[in-house]
Every structure is written in structure tokens, then in C-alpha cells.
């Protein structure tokens, strides 16, 4: 566990804090202000609970059953029951980092003072995170409205000492045993607390935050690999000139063009061999890389704005307002998050598509301007990277299927009370797969482009210093260069890890300066 500590206050959190808790195991502490806000809001809920008038979520049933007034002697059972009944997920387990993000973001909203949860419940949430206990959450169960209900319910079940959870040793055990082993007392939920633990967009938001971090690295990596392919194909860097992009001032386009231009600085391959390989213009997949990569970057920027707004939000129903009112609302609807999750799957698919087209061009002797077929050592005896491109094409094809929006769908639930839902959790789950696939696609282009550049060196040409730095780092990571056919899968996996870890960006930045 990382010794870094994240302090949860009353006014939201940051993407960096979410990633620190979800991925780096940062400890979580409640601020004094959060504890005070929790206590104040709880006093309001307790006062309402003592009144004879029904208040939704405090002294009534839930969803389509909200018309029933619940007597005080049944309210603890009511809160237990909502958690138990809503913990109805099915399918494979969700990744540990997703569950930790989910729990941390629910804690963030609880600490806002708008939920009416007692301080001791919030502290137990922090204790479970700090102990490295991860509830077993399943793939299916959230419609992205009324919150990520089933996933959050499985987390709340762990707080009650019920269900299954994974310990810090990676072994799944009954949650009650894990709590006892770490000296954590199960919580006995009171009025509104069960509902407050379930009613949030925390799962889809956590996955959005992590996808944005991963995509930022992949977009910079894709600028680098696009530049390497341009270089290997003896293309021209003139299309990257700042004055060309200034007259179409999309911010991301200018950033991508600048990244590529800096990677190509000092190249002896670009724009100097039109006599040997005459062409009027480079193909779209080469020439338009900044436009496509840049449009994706701009989409990431918008998605980041939505994520920041949601990170600053207190999503619950009903909510405790500063004037003491407890009001029902629809803030749990996941539409804002769901839309950008789908937008990101679309741009990731298109980035994968244009990346694969450059790889195919590198392997085709009729379009590669002097490179051997499939970059093979002895074409015919060797197949070279023929099937690496097949794998890349298969990934691109799946990316296109994953780009079909989940948020365009809705299915009614809860006896038509919840008659329009966001499907944001589903959008987030498919985006995670898309991000993984995009990393692999970029890695295949890197593998092909670096091999092609090394073959150009064998032809007596001098690549850019940044290209040499990328090749040196990739080879040091155990990814082999040109030669006779060999078992390719381990090389491709190592290239994927190299890209995904940020090592490609780190390898070229000492030459190029910091890339955006």
C-alpha cells in the first residue's frame, strides 16, 4: 500500500486522488470539516425520522414502493433489506481498481454533508479502503440510473459484514471474516443510510477518470507512432507546419501536429526522397494524423470537464440541503457521464482505425516505398509481420463494435417508476475494453514502424534522434528488431506493456522536450 494519504473533505475530490486510491492504494482520511458536515446532516435526518410525516428514503420504501410509510421499529431492517436485495449483480468480477474507485467516490459524496449518513459509517468506509479489502462486485446489475445500484450495494454489503470480499492478499473470503481480521466492526445501518450508500454515479465516474488518464498517454503515444510511420514511409513533415494548423484552430490538432513535428526533428528520411519514391501527397492515414488524433484529444478535453463537474458533485436521492430540507431529485441519472463515455469509445475506435491503416501501409511493398514485403527478412520463407496486422485488424473491428453507444439505449425498470435510464455503467465497461484494445493497436504500429526504420538505417538513411531513442528503449525492454521469423506474441505483449506504462513517451521526451 502506498503511504500517500488522500484527505476527503466536503467539496469533492480530484482525478489524481481517485487514481491514487484506486491504483496506488493511497490511504484515506476524513477531514474535520467532513466529520462536522456529516454530523450536522445526520441531525437533520434524525429530526425528520422522529416526525410522523413520511419522508422518502427516511421513513418510506424505495422506488415504486415509496408510497409505504415504514414504522420506526422496521427502519433498520428496511435499510439492511435494500442493501441485501439490491446486491443482485451477476457475471464476472469487476477489477479491483474499479471497485476501489467506486468506494472512494461514494465516500466523497457521503462526506459532502448532503446524504445524512453518520460519521461512523463514513469512517468504516475509509477503514475498509485502508485495509485493502475489496468487495466482490459483478459485471452486470447497473442501468446507470438511481446510481450504480447493484455494484454499490455489493460494497455496502461488505460494510455490513455480509457477502464476499477480497483481502489484501488477493484471497476472496466472507466479508465478516475480513472485517474481523482487521479490527473493523460491521455497521448497523439506520434511516436513509442504506439508500445513501447505493445512489450514485460512482462506478461509471471512476472508470471515466481512469480511462481519461490511460487515453492521455495513448494519444501522446499515438502521435509518436504516427510520426515514426511517416518517417519510415519517407513521408513529408511539411503538413505538420504550425501555420497550416493555425488556420484550422482546433486545439488538439495543433497539439498533435506539434508533437509529431518534434519527434521528426532532425530526420534524414522525411521529405528528401521524392525522386526515389515520387508522390504528390502522402495518404490520408499519414497526412491527416494530426486532424484525427487532435479531434480525439478535444473529445478527451470535453470528457475531462464533465468528469471534473461530477467529481465536484454530491449525487444522492434524497439530499440534505443547507437549509435543513431533505428533497428528492434526479441527480443520480448518469446521462452526462454516459454520453462522454460513449464519445470516448468512438474516438478511440477511430484512432485505432487510422493507426491500423498506417501499419498495413508499412507492410505492403506496393505502398511502402522500398520496404520489403511485410517487413520480412526473407519474404516467402519469412512471413514477417503479416499476422501481427491481422491481430491489429481484429482489434480494430472489435473497437468499432464497442463504439456503438450504450447511452442511446434505455430499458424501463422498477414497475415503470424508473422508466428512462442512462446505461452509463455499460458504456464504462465497454470503454475499458476499448482502451485496452487501443493500447495493443498502438503497440503493433510501434513494433512495425521501429522495424521499418531500422530497415531504412540498413539502407543507409538516418532517422530522427527521437526515433533512435524510441528504438533503443524498446529494444532494452526486450522487444527484438528485424530478423528471421520468430514467436511474435511475446514481442507484441512486451510492446503493449511498453506503450501502456508510458515508457514510449518517456523514451522520446529527453530528445523532444515534454510532449502534450
Protein backbone atom coordinates (compact mmCIF):
# COMPACT_ATOMS: atom_id res chain seq x y z
CA UNK A 1 0.00 0.00 0.00
CA UNK A 2 1.20 3.48 -0.90
CA UNK A 3 1.91 5.71 2.11
CA UNK A 4 0.39 8.67 0.26
CA UNK A 5 -2.72 9.91 2.06
CA UNK A 6 -5.83 11.42 0.47
CA UNK A 7 -7.91 13.63 2.76
CA UNK A 8 -11.62 13.65 1.95
CA UNK A 9 -13.34 16.98 2.53
CA UNK A 10 -16.80 18.36 1.87
CA UNK A 11 -16.27 19.79 -1.61
CA UNK A 12 -15.48 16.95 -3.97
CA UNK A 13 -12.18 15.43 -4.99
CA UNK A 14 -9.73 15.34 -7.89
CA UNK A 15 -8.98 12.85 -10.62
CA UNK A 16 -5.48 12.48 -9.22
CA UNK A 17 -6.87 11.48 -5.83
CA UNK A 18 -9.21 8.93 -7.39
CA UNK A 19 -6.31 7.30 -9.24
CA UNK A 20 -4.10 7.40 -6.13
CA UNK A 21 -6.70 5.48 -4.12
CA UNK A 22 -7.84 3.15 -6.91
CA UNK A 23 -4.49 2.21 -8.39
CA UNK A 24 -1.78 3.14 -5.91
CA UNK A 25 -3.53 2.09 -2.70
CA UNK A 26 -3.34 5.54 -1.11
CA UNK A 27 -4.72 5.83 2.41
CA UNK A 28 -7.92 7.75 3.00
CA UNK A 29 -8.65 10.11 5.90
CA UNK A 30 -11.71 12.20 6.70
CA UNK A 31 -11.16 15.90 7.28
CA UNK A 32 -12.51 17.57 10.40
CA UNK A 33 -14.82 19.60 8.19
CA UNK A 34 -16.23 16.42 6.64
CA UNK A 35 -16.87 14.86 10.05
CA UNK A 36 -18.65 18.05 11.11
CA UNK A 37 -20.77 18.16 7.96
CA UNK A 38 -21.70 14.50 8.42
CA UNK A 39 -22.84 15.11 11.99
CA UNK A 40 -24.87 18.20 11.05
CA UNK A 41 -26.68 16.46 8.21
CA UNK A 42 -27.37 13.47 10.42
CA UNK A 43 -29.08 15.65 13.00
CA UNK A 44 -31.47 16.81 10.28
CA UNK A 45 -32.26 13.23 9.23
CA UNK A 46 -32.80 12.13 12.84
CA UNK A 47 -35.21 15.02 13.39
CA UNK A 48 -37.20 14.09 10.29
CA UNK A 49 -37.21 10.43 11.29
CA UNK A 50 -38.87 11.37 14.57
CA UNK A 51 -41.76 13.11 12.84
CA UNK A 52 -44.99 11.33 11.86
CA UNK A 53 -44.93 12.65 8.28
CA UNK A 54 -43.35 10.24 5.76
CA UNK A 55 -40.07 11.34 4.16
CA UNK A 56 -38.75 9.44 1.13
CA UNK A 57 -35.76 7.30 1.95
CA UNK A 58 -36.03 8.07 5.67
CA UNK A 59 -39.40 6.59 6.61
CA UNK A 60 -40.71 5.14 3.33
CA UNK A 61 -39.98 2.33 0.96
CA UNK A 62 -37.99 2.86 -2.23
CA UNK A 63 -38.60 3.27 -5.94
CA UNK A 64 -42.05 2.00 -6.89
CA UNK A 65 -42.60 1.10 -3.20
CA UNK A 66 -42.10 4.67 -1.96
CA UNK A 67 -45.78 5.08 -1.04
CA UNK A 68 -45.48 2.83 2.02
CA UNK A 69 -44.75 4.53 5.35
CA UNK A 70 -42.37 2.43 7.45
CA UNK A 71 -42.76 2.36 11.22
CA UNK A 72 -39.67 3.15 13.38
CA UNK A 73 -39.26 -0.45 14.54
CA UNK A 74 -38.80 -1.66 10.94
CA UNK A 75 -36.47 1.03 9.64
CA UNK A 76 -33.16 -0.66 10.46
CA UNK A 77 -34.48 -3.77 8.73
CA UNK A 78 -35.56 -1.60 5.78
CA UNK A 79 -32.01 -0.28 5.33
CA UNK A 80 -30.47 -3.75 5.61
CA UNK A 81 -33.01 -5.11 3.17
CA UNK A 82 -32.35 -2.53 0.47
CA UNK A 83 -28.66 -3.41 0.52
CA UNK A 84 -29.25 -7.16 0.52
CA UNK A 85 -31.92 -7.10 -2.20
CA UNK A 86 -30.02 -4.67 -4.42
CA UNK A 87 -26.79 -6.69 -4.20
CA UNK A 88 -28.04 -8.72 -7.15
CA UNK A 89 -25.10 -8.47 -9.56
CA UNK A 90 -24.14 -11.32 -11.84
CA UNK A 91 -21.29 -12.23 -14.13
CA UNK A 92 -17.50 -11.87 -13.85
CA UNK A 93 -15.89 -9.89 -11.06
CA UNK A 94 -15.12 -6.25 -11.70
CA UNK A 95 -11.47 -5.21 -11.44
CA UNK A 96 -10.06 -4.22 -8.04
CA UNK A 97 -9.17 -0.69 -9.17
CA UNK A 98 -12.73 -0.07 -10.34
CA UNK A 99 -14.19 -1.20 -7.02
CA UNK A 100 -11.77 0.96 -5.04
CA UNK A 101 -12.66 3.98 -7.19
CA UNK A 102 -16.34 3.20 -6.71
CA UNK A 103 -16.00 3.03 -2.91
CA UNK A 104 -13.84 6.15 -2.69
CA UNK A 105 -16.20 8.23 -4.81
CA UNK A 106 -19.21 7.15 -2.75
CA UNK A 107 -17.27 8.16 0.35
CA UNK A 108 -16.58 11.53 -1.30
CA UNK A 109 -20.32 12.16 -1.70
CA UNK A 110 -21.12 10.88 1.78
CA UNK A 111 -18.61 13.36 3.23
CA UNK A 112 -20.26 16.27 1.42
CA UNK A 113 -22.83 16.54 4.20
CA UNK A 114 -25.71 16.13 1.76
CA UNK A 115 -26.52 12.46 2.42
CA UNK A 116 -27.37 12.25 6.11
CA UNK A 117 -25.03 9.33 6.78
CA UNK A 118 -23.47 9.15 10.25
CA UNK A 119 -19.76 9.90 10.66
CA UNK A 120 -19.07 6.37 11.89
CA UNK A 121 -20.39 4.87 8.65
CA UNK A 122 -18.10 7.12 6.61
CA UNK A 123 -15.17 6.17 8.82
CA UNK A 124 -15.90 2.48 8.26
CA UNK A 125 -15.83 3.09 4.51
CA UNK A 126 -12.39 4.66 4.88
CA UNK A 127 -11.23 1.82 7.14
CA UNK A 128 -12.25 -0.80 4.58
CA UNK A 129 -10.34 1.01 1.83
CA UNK A 130 -7.27 1.41 4.05
CA UNK A 131 -7.33 -2.27 4.99
CA UNK A 132 -7.15 -3.22 1.31
CA UNK A 133 -10.49 -5.03 1.49
CA UNK A 134 -12.22 -5.06 -1.90
CA UNK A 135 -15.88 -6.13 -2.13
CA UNK A 136 -16.75 -8.63 -4.84
CA UNK A 137 -18.68 -6.63 -7.44
CA UNK A 138 -20.09 -8.21 -10.57
CA UNK A 139 -20.17 -7.05 -14.20
CA UNK A 140 -23.96 -6.82 -14.58
CA UNK A 141 -26.51 -5.06 -12.39
CA UNK A 142 -26.32 -1.34 -13.08
CA UNK A 143 -28.56 0.55 -15.50
CA UNK A 144 -26.76 3.81 -14.74
CA UNK A 145 -29.77 5.41 -13.10
CA UNK A 146 -30.70 5.69 -9.45
CA UNK A 147 -26.96 5.26 -9.33
CA UNK A 148 -24.83 2.20 -9.98
CA UNK A 149 -27.21 0.32 -7.70
CA UNK A 150 -26.04 -3.28 -7.73
CA UNK A 151 -22.30 -2.51 -7.73
CA UNK A 152 -22.67 -0.04 -4.85
CA UNK A 153 -24.91 -2.49 -2.99
CA UNK A 154 -22.21 -5.15 -3.04
CA UNK A 155 -19.86 -2.58 -1.49
CA UNK A 156 -22.41 -1.64 1.17
CA UNK A 157 -22.94 -5.32 1.91
CA UNK A 158 -19.27 -5.58 2.87
CA UNK A 159 -19.68 -2.68 5.31
CA UNK A 160 -22.43 -4.72 6.97
CA UNK A 161 -20.09 -7.70 7.23
CA UNK A 162 -22.03 -9.71 4.67
CA UNK A 163 -21.24 -11.13 1.23
CA UNK A 164 -17.76 -11.79 -0.12
CA UNK A 165 -14.72 -9.59 -0.46
CA UNK A 166 -11.09 -9.89 -1.50
CA UNK A 167 -8.45 -9.35 1.15
CA UNK A 168 -5.15 -7.55 0.62
CA UNK A 169 -3.61 -10.94 -0.09
CA UNK A 170 -5.91 -11.40 -3.10
CA UNK A 171 -7.92 -14.20 -1.49
CA UNK A 172 -11.74 -13.96 -1.54
CA UNK A 173 -13.29 -14.65 1.86
CA UNK A 174 -16.55 -13.84 3.66
CA UNK A 175 -16.59 -10.11 4.32
CA UNK A 176 -17.35 -10.59 8.02
CA UNK A 177 -14.15 -12.58 8.47
CA UNK A 178 -12.08 -9.94 6.69
CA UNK A 179 -13.55 -7.11 8.76
CA UNK A 180 -12.87 -9.02 11.97
CA UNK A 181 -9.30 -9.80 10.92
CA UNK A 182 -8.66 -6.05 10.51
CA UNK A 183 -10.49 -4.98 13.66
CA UNK A 184 -13.34 -3.30 11.77
CA UNK A 185 -16.82 -3.52 13.29
CA UNK A 186 -19.68 -4.06 10.79
CA UNK A 187 -22.08 -1.13 10.55
CA UNK A 188 -25.73 -1.28 11.63
CA UNK A 189 -27.44 0.95 9.11
CA UNK A 190 -30.03 3.48 10.25
CA UNK A 191 -32.59 5.67 8.48
CA UNK A 192 -31.59 6.67 4.95
CA UNK A 193 -28.09 5.19 5.20
CA UNK A 194 -28.68 2.11 3.07
CA UNK A 195 -30.18 4.22 0.32
CA UNK A 196 -27.39 6.83 0.56
CA UNK A 197 -24.74 4.16 0.03
CA UNK A 198 -26.32 2.99 -3.24
CA UNK A 199 -27.48 6.12 -5.06
CA UNK A 200 -24.54 7.43 -7.10
CA UNK A 201 -22.78 7.50 -10.44
CA UNK A 202 -19.56 6.43 -8.73
CA UNK A 203 -18.75 3.34 -10.77
CA UNK A 204 -19.12 4.94 -14.17
CA UNK A 205 -17.33 8.07 -12.93
CA UNK A 206 -14.39 6.10 -11.55
CA UNK A 207 -14.00 4.26 -14.83
CA UNK A 208 -14.21 7.55 -16.74
CA UNK A 209 -11.44 9.09 -14.64
CA UNK A 210 -9.13 6.12 -15.17
CA UNK A 211 -9.93 5.90 -18.89
CA UNK A 212 -9.05 9.57 -19.32
CA UNK A 213 -5.66 9.01 -17.68
CA UNK A 214 -4.96 5.99 -19.88
CA UNK A 215 -6.14 7.70 -23.05
CA UNK A 216 -3.99 10.76 -22.42
CA UNK A 217 -0.93 8.51 -22.51
CA UNK A 218 -2.21 6.59 -25.54
CA UNK A 219 -2.92 9.73 -27.55
CA UNK A 220 0.60 11.03 -26.95
CA UNK A 221 1.96 7.58 -27.80
CA UNK A 222 -0.13 7.54 -30.99
CA UNK A 223 1.32 10.90 -32.03
CA UNK A 224 4.77 9.34 -31.66
CA UNK A 225 3.95 6.16 -33.58
CA UNK A 226 2.25 8.18 -36.33
CA UNK A 227 5.44 10.23 -36.68
CA UNK A 228 7.56 7.07 -36.78
CA UNK A 229 5.36 5.61 -39.53
CA UNK A 230 5.53 8.87 -41.51
CA UNK A 231 9.31 8.71 -41.21
CA UNK A 232 9.51 5.04 -42.19
CA UNK A 233 7.30 5.70 -45.23
CA UNK A 234 9.59 8.56 -46.35
CA UNK A 235 6.70 10.99 -45.98
CA UNK A 236 6.86 14.74 -45.69
CA UNK A 237 6.74 16.65 -42.44
CA UNK A 238 5.64 19.82 -44.25
CA UNK A 239 1.99 19.01 -43.50
CA UNK A 240 2.80 19.48 -39.80
CA UNK A 241 3.81 23.13 -40.15
CA UNK A 242 2.21 25.29 -37.43
CA UNK A 243 0.86 27.83 -39.92
CA UNK A 244 -1.25 25.12 -41.59
CA UNK A 245 -2.88 24.16 -38.32
CA UNK A 246 -3.33 27.75 -37.18
CA UNK A 247 -5.86 28.33 -39.97
CA UNK A 248 -8.00 25.48 -38.62
CA UNK A 249 -7.59 26.22 -34.92
CA UNK A 250 -8.87 23.09 -33.23
CA UNK A 251 -6.64 22.92 -30.14
CA UNK A 252 -5.97 19.19 -30.19
CA UNK A 253 -5.00 19.23 -33.85
CA UNK A 254 -2.29 21.80 -33.21
CA UNK A 255 -1.00 19.83 -30.24
CA UNK A 256 -0.77 16.57 -32.20
CA UNK A 257 0.95 18.25 -35.14
CA UNK A 258 3.48 19.85 -32.80
CA UNK A 259 4.15 16.52 -31.07
CA UNK A 260 4.76 14.82 -34.41
CA UNK A 261 6.96 17.62 -35.70
CA UNK A 262 9.16 17.44 -32.62
CA UNK A 263 9.50 13.65 -32.93
CA UNK A 264 10.60 14.09 -36.55
CA UNK A 265 13.10 16.90 -35.90
CA UNK A 266 16.46 16.11 -37.49
CA UNK A 267 15.23 13.20 -39.58
CA UNK A 268 17.10 12.32 -42.72
CA UNK A 269 14.14 10.30 -44.02
CA UNK A 270 11.31 12.80 -44.27
CA UNK A 271 10.66 14.78 -47.43
CA UNK A 272 14.00 14.04 -49.08
CA UNK A 273 13.30 11.01 -51.23
CA UNK A 274 10.60 12.06 -53.66
CA UNK A 275 12.86 11.15 -56.58
CA UNK A 276 13.18 7.59 -55.30
CA UNK A 277 9.56 7.31 -54.19
CA UNK A 278 7.62 10.01 -56.06
CA UNK A 279 4.20 11.04 -54.81
CA UNK A 280 2.24 14.27 -54.78
CA UNK A 281 0.83 13.82 -51.28
CA UNK A 282 1.02 11.26 -48.50
CA UNK A 283 -2.01 9.07 -47.87
CA UNK A 284 -4.72 10.31 -45.53
CA UNK A 285 -3.69 7.97 -42.72
CA UNK A 286 -0.30 9.71 -42.70
CA UNK A 287 -1.18 13.25 -43.73
CA UNK A 288 -4.34 13.59 -41.61
CA UNK A 289 -2.96 12.05 -38.41
CA UNK A 290 -2.99 15.39 -36.53
CA UNK A 291 -6.61 16.03 -37.54
CA UNK A 292 -7.82 12.63 -36.32
CA UNK A 293 -5.60 12.43 -33.24
CA UNK A 294 -6.40 16.05 -32.45
CA UNK A 295 -10.16 15.62 -32.67
CA UNK A 296 -9.83 12.79 -30.19
CA UNK A 297 -7.78 15.00 -27.91
CA UNK A 298 -10.50 17.65 -27.97
CA UNK A 299 -13.07 15.00 -27.07
CA UNK A 300 -10.89 13.95 -24.13
CA UNK A 301 -10.78 17.58 -23.02
CA UNK A 302 -14.58 17.81 -23.00
CA UNK A 303 -14.88 14.49 -21.18
CA UNK A 304 -12.43 15.84 -18.60
CA UNK A 305 -14.70 18.84 -18.00
CA UNK A 306 -17.66 16.53 -17.38
CA UNK A 307 -15.58 14.34 -15.06
CA UNK A 308 -14.44 17.37 -13.06
CA UNK A 309 -18.03 18.55 -12.66
CA UNK A 310 -19.12 15.12 -11.49
CA UNK A 311 -16.17 14.90 -9.09
CA UNK A 312 -17.39 18.15 -7.53
CA UNK A 313 -20.96 16.82 -7.22
CA UNK A 314 -22.87 15.25 -4.35
CA UNK A 315 -25.05 12.63 -6.04
CA UNK A 316 -27.77 11.14 -3.85
CA UNK A 317 -31.56 10.98 -3.57
CA UNK A 318 -32.98 12.45 -1.45
CA UNK A 319 -30.36 15.05 -0.46
CA UNK A 320 -29.97 17.12 2.68
CA UNK A 321 -29.84 20.82 1.80
CA UNK A 322 -28.11 23.52 3.88
CA UNK A 323 -31.44 24.99 4.97
CA UNK A 324 -32.47 21.68 6.54
CA UNK A 325 -34.76 20.44 3.80
CA UNK A 326 -34.49 16.85 2.56
CA UNK A 327 -35.55 16.86 -1.07
CA UNK A 328 -35.98 14.26 -3.79
CA UNK A 329 -34.19 14.89 -7.09
CA UNK A 330 -32.93 13.25 -10.25
CA UNK A 331 -29.21 13.97 -9.93
CA UNK A 332 -28.41 10.28 -9.86
CA UNK A 333 -29.20 9.99 -13.58
CA UNK A 334 -25.99 9.02 -15.35
CA UNK A 335 -26.65 10.71 -18.72
CA UNK A 336 -23.85 13.34 -18.54
CA UNK A 337 -21.25 10.70 -17.73
CA UNK A 338 -22.71 8.06 -20.05
CA UNK A 339 -22.56 10.34 -23.08
CA UNK A 340 -18.87 11.14 -22.73
CA UNK A 341 -18.01 7.50 -22.04
CA UNK A 342 -19.59 6.69 -25.40
CA UNK A 343 -17.89 9.66 -27.09
CA UNK A 344 -14.54 8.32 -25.91
CA UNK A 345 -15.26 4.83 -27.27
CA UNK A 346 -15.99 6.42 -30.66
CA UNK A 347 -12.80 8.44 -30.86
CA UNK A 348 -10.72 5.54 -29.55
CA UNK A 349 -12.13 3.34 -32.32
CA UNK A 350 -11.25 5.92 -34.95
CA UNK A 351 -7.74 6.36 -33.58
CA UNK A 352 -7.33 2.59 -33.72
CA UNK A 353 -8.64 2.55 -37.28
CA UNK A 354 -6.23 5.16 -38.66
CA UNK A 355 -3.35 3.56 -36.75
CA UNK A 356 -4.01 0.17 -38.33
CA UNK A 357 -4.10 1.74 -41.82
CA UNK A 358 -0.56 3.06 -41.39
CA UNK A 359 0.64 -0.35 -40.22
CA UNK A 360 -0.89 -2.01 -43.28
CA UNK A 361 0.85 0.55 -45.49
CA UNK A 362 4.21 -0.23 -43.90
CA UNK A 363 3.75 -3.93 -44.72
CA UNK A 364 2.58 -3.56 -48.34
CA UNK A 365 5.56 -3.48 -50.75
CA UNK A 366 3.41 -1.62 -53.30
CA UNK A 367 2.83 1.29 -50.92
CA UNK A 368 5.80 1.26 -48.52
CA UNK A 369 8.28 2.92 -50.92
CA UNK A 370 11.09 0.40 -50.84
CA UNK A 371 10.48 -1.68 -47.73
CA UNK A 372 10.40 -5.50 -48.02
CA UNK A 373 7.00 -7.25 -48.09
CA UNK A 374 5.59 -7.48 -44.56
CA UNK A 375 8.97 -6.22 -43.32
CA UNK A 376 10.11 -9.83 -43.62
CA UNK A 377 13.76 -10.89 -43.50
CA UNK A 378 13.41 -13.28 -46.47
CA UNK A 379 9.91 -12.76 -47.89
CA UNK A 380 8.32 -16.06 -48.81
CA UNK A 381 10.43 -18.03 -46.39
CA UNK A 382 9.52 -15.50 -43.71
CA UNK A 383 6.03 -14.04 -43.23
CA UNK A 384 7.32 -11.08 -41.23
CA UNK A 385 4.57 -9.05 -39.57
CA UNK A 386 1.73 -10.28 -41.78
CA UNK A 387 -0.29 -11.77 -38.92
CA UNK A 388 0.57 -9.00 -36.48
CA UNK A 389 -1.50 -6.80 -38.77
CA UNK A 390 -4.28 -9.41 -38.75
CA UNK A 391 -4.34 -9.19 -34.97
CA UNK A 392 -4.40 -5.40 -35.18
CA UNK A 393 -7.27 -5.55 -37.69
CA UNK A 394 -9.24 -7.89 -35.43
CA UNK A 395 -8.80 -5.44 -32.55
CA UNK A 396 -9.94 -2.55 -34.75
CA UNK A 397 -13.02 -4.48 -35.80
CA UNK A 398 -13.94 -5.07 -32.15
CA UNK A 399 -13.28 -1.40 -31.39
CA UNK A 400 -15.91 -0.47 -33.98
CA UNK A 401 -18.46 -2.72 -32.27
CA UNK A 402 -17.56 -1.22 -28.89
CA UNK A 403 -18.15 2.26 -30.34
CA UNK A 404 -21.89 1.58 -30.66
CA UNK A 405 -23.36 3.86 -27.97
CA UNK A 406 -24.76 2.29 -24.84
CA UNK A 407 -26.33 5.60 -23.80
CA UNK A 408 -28.64 5.58 -26.83
CA UNK A 409 -30.46 2.67 -25.20
CA UNK A 410 -32.85 2.66 -22.26
CA UNK A 411 -34.88 -0.08 -20.65
CA UNK A 412 -37.63 0.58 -18.08
CA UNK A 413 -37.35 -0.80 -14.56
CA UNK A 414 -38.94 -0.66 -11.09
CA UNK A 415 -42.51 -1.08 -12.32
CA UNK A 416 -42.08 1.86 -14.74
CA UNK A 417 -41.06 4.27 -11.97
CA UNK A 418 -37.53 4.25 -13.36
CA UNK A 419 -38.66 4.41 -16.96
CA UNK A 420 -35.61 6.04 -18.55
CA UNK A 421 -32.07 5.02 -17.65
CA UNK A 422 -28.59 6.03 -18.87
CA UNK A 423 -26.79 2.69 -19.29
CA UNK A 424 -23.68 4.59 -18.18
CA UNK A 425 -22.16 1.61 -16.36
CA UNK A 426 -22.38 -0.41 -19.60
CA UNK A 427 -20.78 2.47 -21.51
CA UNK A 428 -17.93 2.50 -18.98
CA UNK A 429 -17.40 -1.24 -19.11
CA UNK A 430 -17.09 -1.33 -22.90
CA UNK A 431 -14.81 1.73 -22.84
CA UNK A 432 -12.40 -0.13 -20.57
CA UNK A 433 -12.16 -2.89 -23.19
CA UNK A 434 -11.74 -0.30 -25.93
CA UNK A 435 -8.87 1.38 -24.08
CA UNK A 436 -7.11 -1.95 -23.63
CA UNK A 437 -7.53 -2.72 -27.32
CA UNK A 438 -6.28 0.71 -28.36
CA UNK A 439 -3.08 0.15 -26.39
CA UNK A 440 -2.50 -3.08 -28.30
CA UNK A 441 -3.20 -1.40 -31.66
CA UNK A 442 -0.73 1.41 -30.97
CA UNK A 443 1.81 -1.17 -29.83
CA UNK A 444 1.58 -3.04 -33.15
CA UNK A 445 2.21 0.19 -35.06
CA UNK A 446 5.18 0.92 -32.82
CA UNK A 447 6.53 -2.58 -33.46
CA UNK A 448 6.14 -2.26 -37.23
CA UNK A 449 7.37 1.34 -37.51
CA UNK A 450 10.52 0.76 -35.46
CA UNK A 451 11.37 -2.33 -37.51
CA UNK A 452 10.78 -0.36 -40.71
CA UNK A 453 13.04 2.49 -39.54
CA UNK A 454 15.80 0.02 -38.69
CA UNK A 455 15.47 -1.38 -42.20
CA UNK A 456 15.84 2.18 -43.53
CA UNK A 457 19.03 2.51 -41.47
CA UNK A 458 20.28 -0.64 -43.22
CA UNK A 459 19.56 1.20 -46.49
CA UNK A 460 21.94 3.95 -45.39
CA UNK A 461 19.35 6.51 -44.18
CA UNK A 462 19.50 8.46 -40.91
CA UNK A 463 16.33 8.67 -38.79
CA UNK A 464 15.46 11.39 -36.29
CA UNK A 465 17.17 11.29 -32.87
CA UNK A 466 13.76 10.75 -31.25
CA UNK A 467 13.19 7.66 -33.38
CA UNK A 468 16.56 6.27 -32.35
CA UNK A 469 15.73 6.92 -28.69
CA UNK A 470 12.40 5.07 -29.05
CA UNK A 471 14.06 2.12 -30.75
CA UNK A 472 16.81 1.90 -28.16
CA UNK A 473 14.33 1.93 -25.27
CA UNK A 474 12.05 -0.61 -26.96
CA UNK A 475 14.93 -2.99 -27.60
CA UNK A 476 16.10 -2.55 -23.99
CA UNK A 477 12.58 -3.60 -22.93
CA UNK A 478 13.16 -6.96 -24.63
CA UNK A 479 11.36 -6.30 -27.92
CA UNK A 480 13.56 -7.60 -30.75
CA UNK A 481 14.25 -5.84 -34.04
CA UNK A 482 14.35 -7.08 -37.66
CA UNK A 483 15.38 -10.64 -38.41
CA UNK A 484 14.02 -14.06 -39.37
CA UNK A 485 10.56 -15.09 -38.21
CA UNK A 486 10.16 -15.85 -34.52
CA UNK A 487 7.38 -16.31 -31.98
CA UNK A 488 5.75 -12.88 -32.26
CA UNK A 489 3.20 -12.90 -29.44
CA UNK A 490 5.70 -12.22 -26.62
CA UNK A 491 7.22 -9.31 -28.56
CA UNK A 492 3.81 -7.78 -29.15
CA UNK A 493 2.84 -8.20 -25.50
CA UNK A 494 6.07 -6.53 -24.42
CA UNK A 495 5.47 -3.66 -26.86
CA UNK A 496 1.96 -3.26 -25.42
CA UNK A 497 3.34 -3.08 -21.89
CA UNK A 498 5.96 -0.58 -23.07
CA UNK A 499 3.30 1.73 -24.52
CA UNK A 500 0.75 1.30 -21.73
CA UNK A 501 3.29 2.05 -19.00
CA UNK A 502 4.21 5.38 -20.59
CA UNK A 503 7.74 4.24 -21.42
CA UNK A 504 7.43 5.21 -25.07
CA UNK A 505 6.63 8.81 -24.16
CA UNK A 506 9.37 8.79 -21.53
CA UNK A 507 11.89 7.47 -24.06
CA UNK A 508 11.48 10.30 -26.56
CA UNK A 509 10.88 13.27 -24.26
CA UNK A 510 14.58 13.73 -23.36
CA UNK A 511 15.05 14.44 -27.08
CA UNK A 512 11.81 16.25 -27.94
CA UNK A 513 11.07 18.01 -24.68
CA UNK A 514 7.78 17.39 -22.86
CA UNK A 515 5.04 16.25 -25.23
CA UNK A 516 1.43 17.22 -24.63
